[in-house]
Protein backbone atom coordinates (compact mmCIF):
# COMPACT_ATOMS: atom_id res chain seq x y z
CA MET A 1 0.00 0.00 0.00
CA TYR A 2 2.79 2.42 0.93
CA LYS A 3 6.16 2.85 -0.74
CA ASN A 4 7.89 6.00 0.46
CA VAL A 5 8.63 6.46 4.16
CA LEU A 6 10.16 9.51 5.85
CA ILE A 7 11.86 8.87 9.20
CA THR A 8 12.69 11.95 11.24
CA GLY A 9 15.59 11.20 13.54
CA GLY A 10 16.33 8.35 11.16
CA ALA A 11 20.07 8.48 11.82
CA GLY A 12 19.44 7.77 15.48
CA PHE A 13 19.31 4.53 17.40
CA ILE A 14 15.70 3.54 16.77
CA GLY A 15 15.40 5.36 13.45
CA SER A 16 18.39 3.72 11.77
CA THR A 17 17.25 0.26 12.87
CA VAL A 18 13.76 0.87 11.49
CA ALA A 19 15.22 2.29 8.27
CA LEU A 20 17.34 -0.79 7.60
CA LYS A 21 14.41 -3.13 8.23
CA LEU A 22 12.18 -1.09 5.91
CA LEU A 23 14.82 -1.17 3.16
CA LYS A 24 14.98 -4.97 3.39
CA GLN A 25 11.22 -5.06 2.93
CA GLY A 26 11.37 -2.98 -0.25
CA TYR A 27 10.41 0.46 1.04
CA HIS A 28 12.07 3.65 -0.16
CA VAL A 29 13.35 5.52 2.89
CA THR A 30 14.14 9.19 3.39
CA VAL A 31 15.80 10.38 6.60
CA LEU A 32 15.61 13.87 8.09
CA ASP A 33 18.13 14.27 10.90
CA SER A 34 20.14 17.10 12.47
CA LEU A 35 23.01 14.75 13.48
CA SER A 36 23.11 16.08 17.03
CA LYS A 37 26.62 16.08 18.52
CA GLN A 38 25.15 14.82 21.80
CA ILE A 39 24.27 11.58 20.02
CA HIS A 40 26.73 11.37 17.11
CA GLY A 41 29.82 13.08 18.53
CA GLU A 42 32.08 15.76 17.11
CA ASN A 43 32.27 14.17 13.65
CA PRO A 44 28.65 13.05 13.14
CA LYS A 45 29.00 11.65 9.63
CA LYS A 46 31.70 9.29 10.89
CA SER A 47 29.49 7.93 13.67
CA GLU A 48 28.46 4.30 13.50
CA LEU A 49 24.78 5.25 13.50
CA PHE A 50 25.15 7.48 10.45
CA GLN A 51 27.37 4.95 8.70
CA ARG A 52 24.57 2.41 9.06
CA ILE A 53 22.35 4.35 6.66
CA ASP A 54 24.84 6.34 4.62
CA GLY A 55 24.30 5.70 0.91
CA LYS A 56 21.27 3.51 1.57
CA VAL A 57 18.61 6.17 2.19
CA ASP A 58 17.89 9.63 0.86
CA PHE A 59 19.46 11.69 3.62
CA ILE A 60 18.49 15.28 4.42
CA LEU A 61 20.58 17.15 6.97
CA GLY A 62 17.95 19.29 8.63
CA ASP A 63 16.07 20.13 11.78
CA VAL A 64 12.43 19.49 12.66
CA LYS A 65 12.42 22.97 14.21
CA ASN A 66 12.81 24.32 10.65
CA LYS A 67 9.58 24.33 8.68
CA GLU A 68 11.34 24.48 5.31
CA ASP A 69 13.35 21.37 6.18
CA TRP A 70 10.04 19.64 6.83
CA ARG A 71 8.63 20.77 3.47
CA LYS A 72 11.70 19.48 1.66
CA ALA A 73 11.57 16.12 3.43
CA LEU A 74 7.82 15.57 3.02
CA LYS A 75 7.81 15.74 -0.78
CA GLY A 76 6.45 12.48 -2.19
CA GLN A 77 6.20 10.71 1.17
CA ASP A 78 3.41 8.23 1.94
CA VAL A 79 4.23 7.69 5.62
CA VAL A 80 6.01 9.73 8.29
CA ILE A 81 7.65 8.01 11.26
CA HIS A 82 8.31 10.92 13.60
CA LEU A 83 11.13 9.91 15.94
CA ALA A 84 13.19 13.11 16.09
CA ALA A 85 13.17 14.43 19.66
CA GLU A 86 15.23 15.49 22.62
CA THR A 87 14.99 12.54 25.01
CA GLY A 88 16.86 13.04 28.30
CA THR A 89 14.44 13.10 31.23
CA GLY A 90 16.85 14.79 33.62
CA GLN A 91 18.24 17.20 31.03
CA SER A 92 14.69 18.24 30.10
CA MET A 93 14.19 19.74 33.55
CA TYR A 94 16.58 22.62 32.78
CA ASP A 95 16.95 22.65 28.98
CA ILE A 96 13.28 23.52 28.78
CA ASP A 97 13.04 25.76 25.72
CA ASN A 98 15.02 23.32 23.59
CA TYR A 99 12.83 20.36 24.56
CA ILE A 100 9.61 22.25 23.91
CA GLU A 101 10.79 23.81 20.64
CA THR A 102 12.08 20.47 19.32
CA ASN A 103 9.45 18.03 20.54
CA ILE A 104 6.31 20.15 20.49
CA GLY A 105 7.39 22.77 17.95
CA GLY A 106 8.72 20.19 15.52
CA THR A 107 5.48 18.21 15.71
CA SER A 108 3.37 21.34 15.24
CA HIS A 109 5.32 22.17 12.06
CA LEU A 110 4.53 18.70 10.70
CA PHE A 111 0.81 18.93 11.28
CA ASP A 112 0.59 22.53 10.15
CA ILE A 113 2.05 21.50 6.81
CA LEU A 114 -0.18 18.43 6.55
CA THR A 115 -3.20 20.63 7.23
CA ASN A 116 -2.39 23.56 4.96
CA ASP A 117 -0.09 22.24 2.20
CA ASP A 118 -0.70 19.69 -0.53
CA THR A 119 1.17 16.51 0.46
CA ASP A 120 0.97 12.79 -0.31
CA VAL A 121 1.17 11.72 3.33
CA LYS A 122 -1.34 9.03 4.24
CA LYS A 123 -0.22 8.00 7.73
CA VAL A 124 1.87 9.36 10.60
CA LEU A 125 3.52 7.37 13.41
CA ILE A 126 4.52 9.32 16.50
CA ALA A 127 7.15 8.08 18.94
CA SER A 128 5.94 8.69 22.48
CA SER A 129 7.27 7.38 25.77
CA ARG A 130 6.41 5.61 29.00
CA ALA A 131 7.42 8.93 30.61
CA ILE A 132 3.92 10.30 30.04
CA TYR A 133 2.54 7.97 32.74
CA GLY A 134 4.71 9.37 35.50
CA GLU A 135 4.67 6.82 38.30
CA GLY A 136 2.15 4.67 36.49
CA ARG A 137 -0.50 2.40 37.95
CA TYR A 138 -0.58 0.79 41.39
CA LEU A 139 -3.02 -1.25 43.43
CA CYS A 140 -3.96 -0.09 46.92
CA PRO A 141 -5.60 -2.66 49.24
CA LYS A 142 -7.94 0.05 50.42
CA ASP A 143 -8.55 2.32 47.42
CA GLY A 144 -8.13 0.01 44.42
CA TYR A 145 -6.20 1.13 41.34
CA VAL A 146 -4.48 4.44 41.97
CA TYR A 147 -2.05 6.74 40.17
CA PRO A 148 0.48 8.19 42.61
CA THR A 149 1.86 11.65 41.92
CA GLU A 150 5.56 12.51 42.03
CA ARG A 151 7.40 11.49 45.16
CA LYS A 152 8.13 14.10 47.78
CA ASP A 153 11.63 15.49 48.18
CA GLU A 154 11.39 15.24 51.97
CA ASP A 155 10.58 11.52 51.78
CA MET A 156 13.49 10.78 49.46
CA GLN A 157 15.87 12.74 51.69
CA LYS A 158 14.97 10.16 54.36
CA LYS A 159 15.71 7.31 51.87
CA ASP A 160 12.03 6.50 51.59
CA PHE A 161 11.85 5.98 47.84
CA GLU A 162 8.71 3.91 47.36
CA VAL A 163 5.55 5.60 46.15
CA LYS A 164 2.46 5.88 48.36
CA CYS A 165 -1.24 5.76 47.75
CA PRO A 166 -2.29 9.30 46.81
CA ILE A 167 -5.59 8.81 48.66
CA CYS A 168 -4.79 7.08 51.95
CA GLY A 169 -1.00 7.40 52.03
CA GLY A 170 -0.57 3.65 52.53
CA GLU A 171 1.60 1.09 50.77
CA VAL A 172 0.70 0.12 47.20
CA GLU A 173 1.53 -2.73 44.84
CA LEU A 174 3.00 -2.01 41.42
CA VAL A 175 0.94 -3.27 38.47
CA SER A 176 1.42 -2.93 34.72
CA THR A 177 0.41 0.34 33.07
CA THR A 178 -2.34 0.18 30.45
CA GLU A 179 -2.85 2.71 27.66
CA ASP A 180 -5.96 4.10 29.38
CA SER A 181 -4.03 4.79 32.59
CA LYS A 182 -3.90 8.33 33.90
CA LEU A 183 -1.31 10.55 32.24
CA GLN A 184 0.73 12.60 34.69
CA PRO A 185 4.29 13.17 33.46
CA THR A 186 6.87 14.26 36.02
CA SER A 187 9.40 15.77 33.58
CA THR A 188 9.42 18.34 30.80
CA TYR A 189 10.30 15.51 28.42
CA GLY A 190 7.24 13.50 29.46
CA LEU A 191 5.03 16.56 29.12
CA THR A 192 6.25 17.23 25.57
CA LYS A 193 5.44 13.65 24.63
CA GLU A 194 1.92 13.97 25.98
CA VAL A 195 1.38 17.12 23.91
CA GLN A 196 2.81 15.43 20.81
CA GLU A 197 0.32 12.59 21.20
CA GLU A 198 -2.70 14.80 21.74
CA LEU A 199 -1.81 17.22 18.96
CA GLY A 200 -1.20 14.40 16.50
CA MET A 201 -4.40 12.52 17.31
CA MET A 202 -6.55 15.66 17.26
CA ILE A 203 -5.23 17.07 13.98
CA GLY A 204 -4.91 13.67 12.32
CA LYS A 205 -8.60 12.98 12.87
CA SER A 206 -9.60 16.46 11.69
CA ILE A 207 -7.75 16.13 8.36
CA GLY A 208 -8.37 12.41 7.82
CA ILE A 209 -4.74 11.24 8.11
CA PRO A 210 -4.45 8.22 10.42
CA VAL A 211 -2.05 8.69 13.32
CA VAL A 212 -0.48 5.86 15.32
CA VAL A 213 1.17 6.53 18.69
CA TYR A 214 3.79 4.25 20.21
CA ARG A 215 4.66 4.62 23.87
CA TYR A 216 8.12 3.07 23.91
CA GLN A 217 9.46 1.69 27.15
CA ASN A 218 13.24 1.65 27.80
CA VAL A 219 14.67 0.73 24.41
CA TYR A 220 18.17 -0.78 24.32
CA GLY A 221 20.47 -2.74 22.07
CA PRO A 222 23.35 -2.47 19.57
CA GLY A 223 23.67 1.02 18.14
CA GLN A 224 22.54 2.86 21.27
CA SER A 225 24.65 6.00 21.58
CA LEU A 226 27.62 5.58 23.91
CA LYS A 227 28.29 9.33 23.66
CA ASN A 228 25.08 10.63 25.25
CA PRO A 229 25.38 10.90 29.07
CA TYR A 230 21.75 11.95 29.48
CA THR A 231 19.76 8.93 28.36
CA GLY A 232 20.04 5.14 28.04
CA ILE A 233 21.04 3.51 31.30
CA LEU A 234 22.71 0.50 29.64
CA SER A 235 24.89 2.78 27.51
CA ILE A 236 25.71 5.04 30.45
CA PHE A 237 26.70 2.11 32.68
CA SER A 238 28.68 0.49 29.85
CA THR A 239 30.76 3.62 29.29
CA ILE A 240 31.40 3.94 33.02
CA ILE A 241 32.49 0.30 33.31
CA LYS A 242 34.71 0.46 30.23
CA ASN A 243 36.46 3.49 31.73
CA GLY A 244 37.03 1.56 34.97
CA ASN A 245 34.98 3.99 37.04
CA SER A 246 32.57 3.21 39.87
CA ILE A 247 28.85 3.09 39.18
CA ASN A 248 26.73 5.38 41.30
CA ILE A 249 23.36 3.66 41.73
CA PHE A 250 20.59 6.15 42.48
CA GLU A 251 18.10 5.60 45.30
CA ASP A 252 18.40 2.02 46.60
CA GLY A 253 18.91 0.31 43.25
CA HIS A 254 15.52 -1.38 43.30
CA GLU A 255 13.83 1.09 40.96
CA THR A 256 12.61 -0.79 37.89
CA ARG A 257 12.04 -0.30 34.18
CA ASP A 258 10.66 -2.32 31.27
CA PHE A 259 13.63 -2.90 28.93
CA VAL A 260 12.64 -3.72 25.35
CA TYR A 261 15.12 -4.79 22.68
CA ILE A 262 15.65 -2.57 19.63
CA ASP A 263 14.70 -5.18 17.02
CA ASP A 264 11.39 -5.80 18.75
CA VAL A 265 10.73 -2.05 18.80
CA ALA A 266 11.50 -1.76 15.09
CA ASP A 267 9.20 -4.69 14.27
CA ALA A 268 6.39 -3.13 16.29
CA THR A 269 6.90 0.20 14.53
CA ILE A 270 6.66 -1.37 11.09
CA LEU A 271 3.45 -3.15 12.11
CA GLY A 272 1.98 0.32 12.63
CA ILE A 273 2.61 1.13 8.97
CA GLU A 274 1.30 -2.08 7.51
CA ASN A 275 -1.68 -2.94 9.72
CA PRO A 276 -4.75 -0.69 9.31
CA LYS A 277 -5.93 -1.82 12.77
CA ALA A 278 -3.25 0.50 14.13
CA ASP A 279 -4.88 3.64 12.71
CA TYR A 280 -5.80 6.24 15.35
CA GLN A 281 -4.61 3.89 18.09
CA ILE A 282 -2.14 4.23 20.98
CA PHE A 283 0.10 1.32 21.92
CA ASN A 284 2.56 0.49 24.67
CA VAL A 285 5.71 -1.09 23.22
CA GLY A 286 7.60 -3.07 25.83
CA THR A 287 7.94 -6.56 27.25
CA GLY A 288 5.59 -6.40 30.21
CA ILE A 289 8.51 -7.42 32.47
CA LYS A 290 10.25 -5.20 35.04
CA THR A 291 13.99 -5.28 35.78
CA ASP A 292 15.72 -3.33 38.55
CA VAL A 293 18.75 -1.08 38.12
CA LEU A 294 21.05 -3.17 40.32
CA THR A 295 20.41 -6.17 38.09
CA VAL A 296 21.34 -4.09 35.04
CA ALA A 297 24.62 -2.88 36.60
CA ASN A 298 25.71 -6.29 37.89
CA THR A 299 24.82 -8.06 34.64
CA LEU A 300 26.87 -5.61 32.58
CA ILE A 301 29.86 -5.96 34.92
CA GLU A 302 29.65 -9.72 34.50
CA LYS A 303 29.37 -9.47 30.71
CA TYR A 304 32.37 -7.17 30.36
CA GLY A 305 34.48 -9.01 32.94
CA ILE A 306 35.58 -5.69 34.43
CA LYS A 307 35.19 -5.37 38.20
CA VAL A 308 34.21 -1.85 39.18
CA PRO A 309 32.66 -0.68 42.46
CA VAL A 310 28.87 -0.47 42.54
CA VAL A 311 27.90 2.24 45.01
CA VAL A 312 24.26 2.40 46.10
CA SER A 313 24.48 6.05 47.07
CA GLY A 314 20.91 7.03 47.87
CA ASN A 315 21.29 10.00 45.51
CA TYR A 316 18.23 10.81 43.44
CA ARG A 317 17.03 13.04 40.63
CA LEU A 318 13.88 15.10 40.89
CA GLY A 319 11.51 14.11 38.09
CA ASP A 320 12.60 10.46 38.03
CA ILE A 321 9.92 7.84 38.45
CA ARG A 322 10.29 4.85 40.79
CA HIS A 323 8.79 2.06 38.72
CA ASN A 324 6.97 1.45 35.48
CA PHE A 325 6.31 -1.50 33.24
CA ALA A 326 3.88 -1.87 30.38
CA ASP A 327 0.74 -3.84 29.81
CA ILE A 328 1.28 -4.88 26.17
CA SER A 329 -1.94 -6.84 25.66
CA ASN A 330 -3.37 -4.11 23.40
CA ILE A 331 -0.62 -4.32 20.78
CA GLN A 332 -0.52 -8.09 21.11
CA ASN A 333 -4.23 -8.47 20.48
CA LYS A 334 -4.67 -5.84 17.75
CA LEU A 335 -1.40 -6.07 15.83
CA GLY A 336 -0.07 -9.50 16.78
CA PHE A 337 3.10 -8.06 18.30
CA GLN A 338 5.15 -10.34 20.52
CA PRO A 339 8.61 -9.41 21.83
CA LYS A 340 11.11 -12.06 20.75
CA VAL A 341 14.27 -11.08 22.66
CA ASP A 342 14.29 -11.40 26.44
CA PHE A 343 16.52 -9.29 28.67
CA LYS A 344 19.14 -12.00 29.19
CA GLU A 345 19.65 -12.51 25.47
CA GLY A 346 19.32 -8.82 24.64
CA ILE A 347 21.91 -7.64 27.14
CA SER A 348 24.34 -10.28 25.86
CA ARG A 349 23.92 -9.01 22.30
CA PHE A 350 24.32 -5.43 23.50
CA ALA A 351 27.49 -6.20 25.49
CA ASP A 352 28.99 -8.09 22.53
CA TRP A 353 28.42 -5.01 20.37
CA VAL A 354 29.89 -2.63 22.97
CA ASN A 355 33.02 -4.79 23.18
CA LYS A 356 33.66 -4.02 19.50
CA GLN A 357 33.35 -0.25 19.92
CA GLU A 358 36.00 2.31 20.71
CA VAL A 359 35.79 3.22 24.38
CA GLU A 360 34.16 6.63 24.82
CA LYS A 361 35.16 9.13 27.48
CA ASP A 362 32.90 8.89 30.53
CA ASN A 363 31.08 12.25 30.64
CA TYR A 364 28.42 11.15 33.08
CA LYS A 365 29.82 13.05 36.05
CA GLU A 366 29.63 16.30 34.08
CA SER A 367 25.98 15.69 33.26
CA ILE A 368 25.23 14.99 36.93
CA GLU A 369 27.06 18.14 37.98
CA GLU A 370 24.85 20.14 35.63
CA MET A 371 21.78 18.76 37.39
CA ARG A 372 23.28 19.35 40.81
CA LYS A 373 23.83 23.04 40.00
CA LYS A 374 20.18 23.32 39.00
CA GLY A 375 19.02 21.74 42.27
CA LEU A 376 17.64 18.68 40.47
CA TYR A 377 20.12 16.12 41.82
CA LYS A 378 20.26 15.40 45.53
């Protein structure tokens, strides 16, 4: 049905993986990407991510904040996979204008053009995030399903990191987050993703262009930037370990995330193009399994065979959530998606890839110091 696909952020981790899979399936792929130094380094066109797609796609060096770059990229496109975004949760709490201008402004440019210009676009996929849920969904013995708000600074100062029932203040049990769960982002990044979703769905319906929203969980795997100290816990820990530095584990190390392998994410994304049941729908993309941060750190140390200290410091970042994992029954039932790579296999593949890369300088302490100066890291 569709032939020409534009991927914004297509030189990035998820975008390049999706692009290569689409090419194998016979699609014609165009990539619009700014080649951010934070992701690609000082010589972006020499980065492994760019080299993946170089010469294989129609590449446009441009910025989603620039409307004319959008117009150039949209010519002749059937589908837009909109991945381009600023993605660091912690960084978003002080780099506010940039996150809003890129994530919300870039998306508004897209839909303004689709509404007012003559284009061939027939479908749009928007990359959203589990960050829009905030703390997600819990079960209280007294009050049933509840949606706790952000944790209090005074509680975390006392090393009390678990969330509480927002109604009775009692203990709650973590349960998977469904797509109809309450949205209450605790970071600027999460807020921009919520706006992207709502803007896309509203305008898409008004102009008759189907929109599909994917709420990605913590995506990992080969190709994840080892240069970006603001996002991707497996990459951050890997760079620290490879530099022989100690790992500072925030809180008590028992905070959890739903880690989903990059190939599974790419397969799910392509299903959104090809299956009309995805139109005007929102889907969680994850595994439905939670893994804690200590497990991630210790597994990577084992895989690399490099013994570094693991320090459970009790430090914390304002805006971080405690737990979240996805209910993926919606995408399983409607699109037939089933994650194929479990965490044990995925982290082995990731570590094998990292072992073949040039060791990057560990810039994580600098990123933390930035947050400390802003009062966001305690």
